[in-house]
Amino acid sequence: MSQQTFDACVVNSQTGSVVKREPCNDQYEAAAKCRTMQKEVNPEQYHTEVRKGLSTYAI
């Protein structure tokens, strides 16, 4: 069984690689976490975005 998850990510603006990723329960929680993380990063080097993830749970 799998469940769709959303991740709040800090992304290097030049390379597109994820520097920090925090899993969230839904897109609204991820968006709120992105707004909080955006205040903590250098906007010239990094930006935040919500990415879809896939968590797999064994039953």
PDB file of N, CA and C in Angstrom:
ATOM      1  N   MET A   1       0.852  -1.179   0.000  1.00  0.00           N
ATOM      2  CA  MET A   1       0.000   0.000   0.000  1.00  0.00           C
ATOM      3  C   MET A   1       0.894   1.237   0.000  1.00  0.00           C
ATOM      4  N   SER A   2       0.526   2.227  -0.762  1.00  0.00           N
ATOM      5  CA  SER A   2       1.310   3.451  -0.797  1.00  0.00           C
ATOM      6  C   SER A   2       0.400   4.651  -0.601  1.00  0.00           C
ATOM      7  N   GLN A   3       0.970   5.724  -0.129  1.00  0.00           N
ATOM      8  CA  GLN A   3       0.215   6.938   0.148  1.00  0.00           C
ATOM      9  C   GLN A   3       0.981   8.123  -0.418  1.00  0.00           C
ATOM     10  N   GLN A   4       0.277   9.040  -1.081  1.00  0.00           N
ATOM     11  CA  GLN A   4       0.910  10.234  -1.640  1.00  0.00           C
ATOM     12  C   GLN A   4       1.308  11.166  -0.503  1.00  0.00           C
ATOM     13  N   THR A   5       2.539  11.635  -0.530  1.00  0.00           N
ATOM     14  CA  THR A   5       3.006  12.593   0.463  1.00  0.00           C
ATOM     15  C   THR A   5       3.530  13.825  -0.253  1.00  0.00           C
ATOM     16  N   PHE A   6       3.725  14.866   0.494  1.00  0.00           N
ATOM     17  CA  PHE A   6       4.291  16.095  -0.033  1.00  0.00           C
ATOM     18  C   PHE A   6       5.500  16.453   0.809  1.00  0.00           C
ATOM     19  N   ASP A   7       6.532  16.964   0.163  1.00  0.00           N
ATOM     20  CA  ASP A   7       7.760  17.324   0.846  1.00  0.00           C
ATOM     21  C   ASP A   7       8.014  18.814   0.677  1.00  0.00           C
ATOM     22  N   ALA A   8       8.373  19.478   1.772  1.00  0.00           N
ATOM     23  CA  ALA A   8       8.820  20.865   1.719  1.00  0.00           C
ATOM     24  C   ALA A   8      10.328  20.819   1.510  1.00  0.00           C
ATOM     25  N   CYS A   9      10.804  21.416   0.420  1.00  0.00           N
ATOM     26  CA  CYS A   9      12.210  21.294   0.041  1.00  0.00           C
ATOM     27  C   CYS A   9      12.881  22.651  -0.084  1.00  0.00           C
ATOM     28  N   VAL A  10      14.138  22.712   0.372  1.00  0.00           N
ATOM     29  CA  VAL A  10      15.011  23.840   0.072  1.00  0.00           C
ATOM     30  C   VAL A  10      15.864  23.393  -1.101  1.00  0.00           C
ATOM     31  N   VAL A  11      15.844  24.180  -2.186  1.00  0.00           N
ATOM     32  CA  VAL A  11      16.481  23.785  -3.433  1.00  0.00           C
ATOM     33  C   VAL A  11      17.553  24.796  -3.811  1.00  0.00           C
ATOM     34  N   ASN A  12      18.714  24.299  -4.255  1.00  0.00           N
ATOM     35  CA  ASN A  12      19.771  25.158  -4.782  1.00  0.00           C
ATOM     36  C   ASN A  12      19.274  25.716  -6.108  1.00  0.00           C
ATOM     37  N   SER A  13      19.191  27.035  -6.225  1.00  0.00           N
ATOM     38  CA  SER A  13      18.615  27.662  -7.415  1.00  0.00           C
ATOM     39  C   SER A  13      19.452  27.451  -8.667  1.00  0.00           C
ATOM     40  N   GLN A  14      20.758  27.274  -8.516  1.00  0.00           N
ATOM     41  CA  GLN A  14      21.616  27.112  -9.687  1.00  0.00           C
ATOM     42  C   GLN A  14      21.620  25.679 -10.204  1.00  0.00           C
ATOM     43  N   THR A  15      21.671  24.709  -9.299  1.00  0.00           N
ATOM     44  CA  THR A  15      21.791  23.313  -9.722  1.00  0.00           C
ATOM     45  C   THR A  15      20.462  22.563  -9.712  1.00  0.00           C
ATOM     46  N   GLY A  16      19.497  23.040  -8.946  1.00  0.00           N
ATOM     47  CA  GLY A  16      18.217  22.346  -8.845  1.00  0.00           C
ATOM     48  C   GLY A  16      18.225  21.175  -7.885  1.00  0.00           C
ATOM     49  N   SER A  17      19.333  20.990  -7.157  1.00  0.00           N
ATOM     50  CA  SER A  17      19.411  19.862  -6.228  1.00  0.00           C
ATOM     51  C   SER A  17      18.786  20.229  -4.883  1.00  0.00           C
ATOM     52  N   VAL A  18      18.208  19.232  -4.237  1.00  0.00           N
ATOM     53  CA  VAL A  18      17.553  19.431  -2.951  1.00  0.00           C
ATOM     54  C   VAL A  18      18.614  19.461  -1.858  1.00  0.00           C
ATOM     55  N   VAL A  19      18.600  20.529  -1.068  1.00  0.00           N
ATOM     56  CA  VAL A  19      19.540  20.687   0.036  1.00  0.00           C
ATOM     57  C   VAL A  19      18.930  20.148   1.330  1.00  0.00           C
ATOM     58  N   LYS A  20      17.632  20.398   1.513  1.00  0.00           N
ATOM     59  CA  LYS A  20      16.939  19.967   2.724  1.00  0.00           C
ATOM     60  C   LYS A  20      15.530  19.546   2.332  1.00  0.00           C
ATOM     61  N   ARG A  21      15.066  18.443   2.917  1.00  0.00           N
ATOM     62  CA  ARG A  21      13.729  17.939   2.604  1.00  0.00           C
ATOM     63  C   ARG A  21      13.023  17.567   3.892  1.00  0.00           C
ATOM     64  N   GLU A  22      11.797  18.058   4.049  1.00  0.00           N
ATOM     65  CA  GLU A  22      10.997  17.712   5.213  1.00  0.00           C
ATOM     66  C   GLU A  22       9.671  17.124   4.752  1.00  0.00           C
ATOM     67  N   PRO A  23       9.388  15.872   5.078  1.00  0.00           N
ATOM     68  CA  PRO A  23       8.119  15.266   4.677  1.00  0.00           C
ATOM     69  C   PRO A  23       6.942  15.889   5.426  1.00  0.00           C
ATOM     70  N   CYS A  24       5.810  16.026   4.730  1.00  0.00           N
ATOM     71  CA  CYS A  24       4.603  16.610   5.310  1.00  0.00           C
ATOM     72  C   CYS A  24       3.408  15.714   5.002  1.00  0.00           C
ATOM     73  N   ASN A  25       2.335  15.917   5.746  1.00  0.00           N
ATOM     74  CA  ASN A  25       1.140  15.093   5.569  1.00  0.00           C
ATOM     75  C   ASN A  25       0.302  15.505   4.369  1.00  0.00           C
ATOM     76  N   ASP A  26       0.266  16.812   4.067  1.00  0.00           N
ATOM     77  CA  ASP A  26      -0.524  17.271   2.929  1.00  0.00           C
ATOM     78  C   ASP A  26       0.109  18.520   2.329  1.00  0.00           C
ATOM     79  N   GLN A  27      -0.465  18.990   1.218  1.00  0.00           N
ATOM     80  CA  GLN A  27       0.133  20.107   0.496  1.00  0.00           C
ATOM     81  C   GLN A  27       0.047  21.411   1.274  1.00  0.00           C
ATOM     82  N   TYR A  28      -0.959  21.552   2.141  1.00  0.00           N
ATOM     83  CA  TYR A  28      -1.113  22.788   2.904  1.00  0.00           C
ATOM     84  C   TYR A  28      -0.049  22.888   3.991  1.00  0.00           C
ATOM     85  N   GLU A  29       0.224  21.780   4.652  1.00  0.00           N
ATOM     86  CA  GLU A  29       1.296  21.750   5.650  1.00  0.00           C
ATOM     87  C   GLU A  29       2.645  22.005   4.979  1.00  0.00           C
ATOM     88  N   ALA A  30       2.847  21.422   3.799  1.00  0.00           N
ATOM     89  CA  ALA A  30       4.101  21.614   3.068  1.00  0.00           C
ATOM     90  C   ALA A  30       4.271  23.071   2.646  1.00  0.00           C
ATOM     91  N   ALA A  31       3.194  23.712   2.201  1.00  0.00           N
ATOM     92  CA  ALA A  31       3.262  25.118   1.796  1.00  0.00           C
ATOM     93  C   ALA A  31       3.590  26.010   2.991  1.00  0.00           C
ATOM     94  N   ALA A  32       2.996  25.728   4.137  1.00  0.00           N
ATOM     95  CA  ALA A  32       3.278  26.508   5.342  1.00  0.00           C
ATOM     96  C   ALA A  32       4.728  26.326   5.779  1.00  0.00           C
ATOM     97  N   LYS A  33       5.231  25.102   5.684  1.00  0.00           N
ATOM     98  CA  LYS A  33       6.615  24.826   6.059  1.00  0.00           C
ATOM     99  C   LYS A  33       7.582  25.515   5.098  1.00  0.00           C
ATOM    100  N   CYS A  34       7.214  25.577   3.810  1.00  0.00           N
ATOM    101  CA  CYS A  34       8.043  26.273   2.815  1.00  0.00           C
ATOM    102  C   CYS A  34       8.149  27.759   3.140  1.00  0.00           C
ATOM    103  N   ARG A  35       7.026  28.360   3.525  1.00  0.00           N
ATOM    104  CA  ARG A  35       7.049  29.789   3.871  1.00  0.00           C
ATOM    105  C   ARG A  35       7.962  30.042   5.064  1.00  0.00           C
ATOM    106  N   THR A  36       7.943  29.142   6.033  1.00  0.00           N
ATOM    107  CA  THR A  36       8.805  29.278   7.206  1.00  0.00           C
ATOM    108  C   THR A  36      10.270  29.091   6.832  1.00  0.00           C
ATOM    109  N   MET A  37      10.560  28.085   6.005  1.00  0.00           N
ATOM    110  CA  MET A  37      11.949  27.809   5.621  1.00  0.00           C
ATOM    111  C   MET A  37      12.508  28.906   4.716  1.00  0.00           C
ATOM    112  N   GLN A  38      11.650  29.564   3.920  1.00  0.00           N
ATOM    113  CA  GLN A  38      12.108  30.608   3.004  1.00  0.00           C
ATOM    114  C   GLN A  38      12.740  31.770   3.772  1.00  0.00           C
ATOM    115  N   LYS A  39      12.248  32.028   4.979  1.00  0.00           N
ATOM    116  CA  LYS A  39      12.781  33.116   5.803  1.00  0.00           C
ATOM    117  C   LYS A  39      14.179  32.803   6.317  1.00  0.00           C
ATOM    118  N   GLU A  40      14.554  31.515   6.335  1.00  0.00           N
ATOM    119  CA  GLU A  40      15.822  31.086   6.920  1.00  0.00           C
ATOM    120  C   GLU A  40      16.935  30.903   5.899  1.00  0.00           C
ATOM    121  N   VAL A  41      16.617  30.966   4.600  1.00  0.00           N
ATOM    122  CA  VAL A  41      17.633  30.697   3.579  1.00  0.00           C
ATOM    123  C   VAL A  41      18.016  31.973   2.840  1.00  0.00           C
ATOM    124  N   ASN A  42      19.177  31.937   2.196  1.00  0.00           N
ATOM    125  CA  ASN A  42      19.650  33.043   1.370  1.00  0.00           C
ATOM    126  C   ASN A  42      18.891  33.007   0.041  1.00  0.00           C
ATOM    127  N   PRO A  43      18.051  34.013  -0.253  1.00  0.00           N
ATOM    128  CA  PRO A  43      17.223  33.955  -1.464  1.00  0.00           C
ATOM    129  C   PRO A  43      18.017  34.042  -2.761  1.00  0.00           C
ATOM    130  N   GLU A  44      19.272  34.480  -2.695  1.00  0.00           N
ATOM    131  CA  GLU A  44      20.098  34.544  -3.899  1.00  0.00           C
ATOM    132  C   GLU A  44      20.616  33.161  -4.299  1.00  0.00           C
ATOM    133  N   GLN A  45      20.736  32.257  -3.336  1.00  0.00           N
ATOM    134  CA  GLN A  45      21.277  30.924  -3.610  1.00  0.00           C
ATOM    135  C   GLN A  45      20.218  29.829  -3.588  1.00  0.00           C
ATOM    136  N   TYR A  46      19.172  30.002  -2.762  1.00  0.00           N
ATOM    137  CA  TYR A  46      18.215  28.924  -2.537  1.00  0.00           C
ATOM    138  C   TYR A  46      16.779  29.414  -2.678  1.00  0.00           C
ATOM    139  N   HIS A  47      15.886  28.497  -2.987  1.00  0.00           N
ATOM    140  CA  HIS A  47      14.457  28.762  -2.947  1.00  0.00           C
ATOM    141  C   HIS A  47      13.766  27.522  -2.386  1.00  0.00           C
ATOM    142  N   THR A  48      12.516  27.686  -1.998  1.00  0.00           N
ATOM    143  CA  THR A  48      11.764  26.557  -1.460  1.00  0.00           C
ATOM    144  C   THR A  48      10.676  26.162  -2.443  1.00  0.00           C
ATOM    145  N   GLU A  49      10.334  24.896  -2.418  1.00  0.00           N
ATOM    146  CA  GLU A  49       9.236  24.413  -3.257  1.00  0.00           C
ATOM    147  C   GLU A  49       8.627  23.170  -2.636  1.00  0.00           C
ATOM    148  N   VAL A  50       7.386  22.917  -2.997  1.00  0.00           N
ATOM    149  CA  VAL A  50       6.686  21.714  -2.559  1.00  0.00           C
ATOM    150  C   VAL A  50       6.845  20.673  -3.656  1.00  0.00           C
ATOM    151  N   ARG A  51       7.308  19.498  -3.287  1.00  0.00           N
ATOM    152  CA  ARG A  51       7.459  18.404  -4.253  1.00  0.00           C
ATOM    153  C   ARG A  51       6.621  17.225  -3.791  1.00  0.00           C
ATOM    154  N   LYS A  52       6.084  16.512  -4.746  1.00  0.00           N
ATOM    155  CA  LYS A  52       5.322  15.309  -4.416  1.00  0.00           C
ATOM    156  C   LYS A  52       6.291  14.167  -4.172  1.00  0.00           C
ATOM    157  N   GLY A  53       5.996  13.396  -3.140  1.00  0.00           N
ATOM    158  CA  GLY A  53       6.800  12.227  -2.837  1.00  0.00           C
ATOM    159  C   GLY A  53       5.896  11.013  -2.773  1.00  0.00           C
ATOM    160  N   LEU A  54       6.467   9.872  -2.544  1.00  0.00           N
ATOM    161  CA  LEU A  54       5.676   8.653  -2.422  1.00  0.00           C
ATOM    162  C   LEU A  54       6.257   7.824  -1.290  1.00  0.00           C
ATOM    163  N   SER A  55       5.498   7.715  -0.211  1.00  0.00           N
ATOM    164  CA  SER A  55       5.924   6.887   0.914  1.00  0.00           C
ATOM    165  C   SER A  55       5.258   5.529   0.788  1.00  0.00           C
ATOM    166  N   THR A  56       6.016   4.493   0.981  1.00  0.00           N
ATOM    167  CA  THR A  56       5.488   3.138   0.865  1.00  0.00           C
ATOM    168  C   THR A  56       5.443   2.502   2.252  1.00  0.00           C
ATOM    169  N   TYR A  57       4.303   1.942   2.580  1.00  0.00           N
ATOM    170  CA  TYR A  57       4.131   1.290   3.866  1.00  0.00           C
ATOM    171  C   TYR A  57       3.881  -0.192   3.635  1.00  0.00           C
ATOM    172  N   ALA A  58       4.590  -1.034   4.363  1.00  0.00           N
ATOM    173  CA  ALA A  58       4.376  -2.479   4.257  1.00  0.00           C
ATOM    174  C   ALA A  58       3.226  -2.876   5.172  1.00  0.00           C
ATOM    175  N   ILE A  59       2.382  -3.756   4.671  1.00  0.00           N
ATOM    176  CA  ILE A  59       1.247  -4.220   5.492  1.00  0.00           C
ATOM    177  C   ILE A  59       1.483  -5.666   5.876  1.00  0.00           C
TER     178      ILE A  59
END
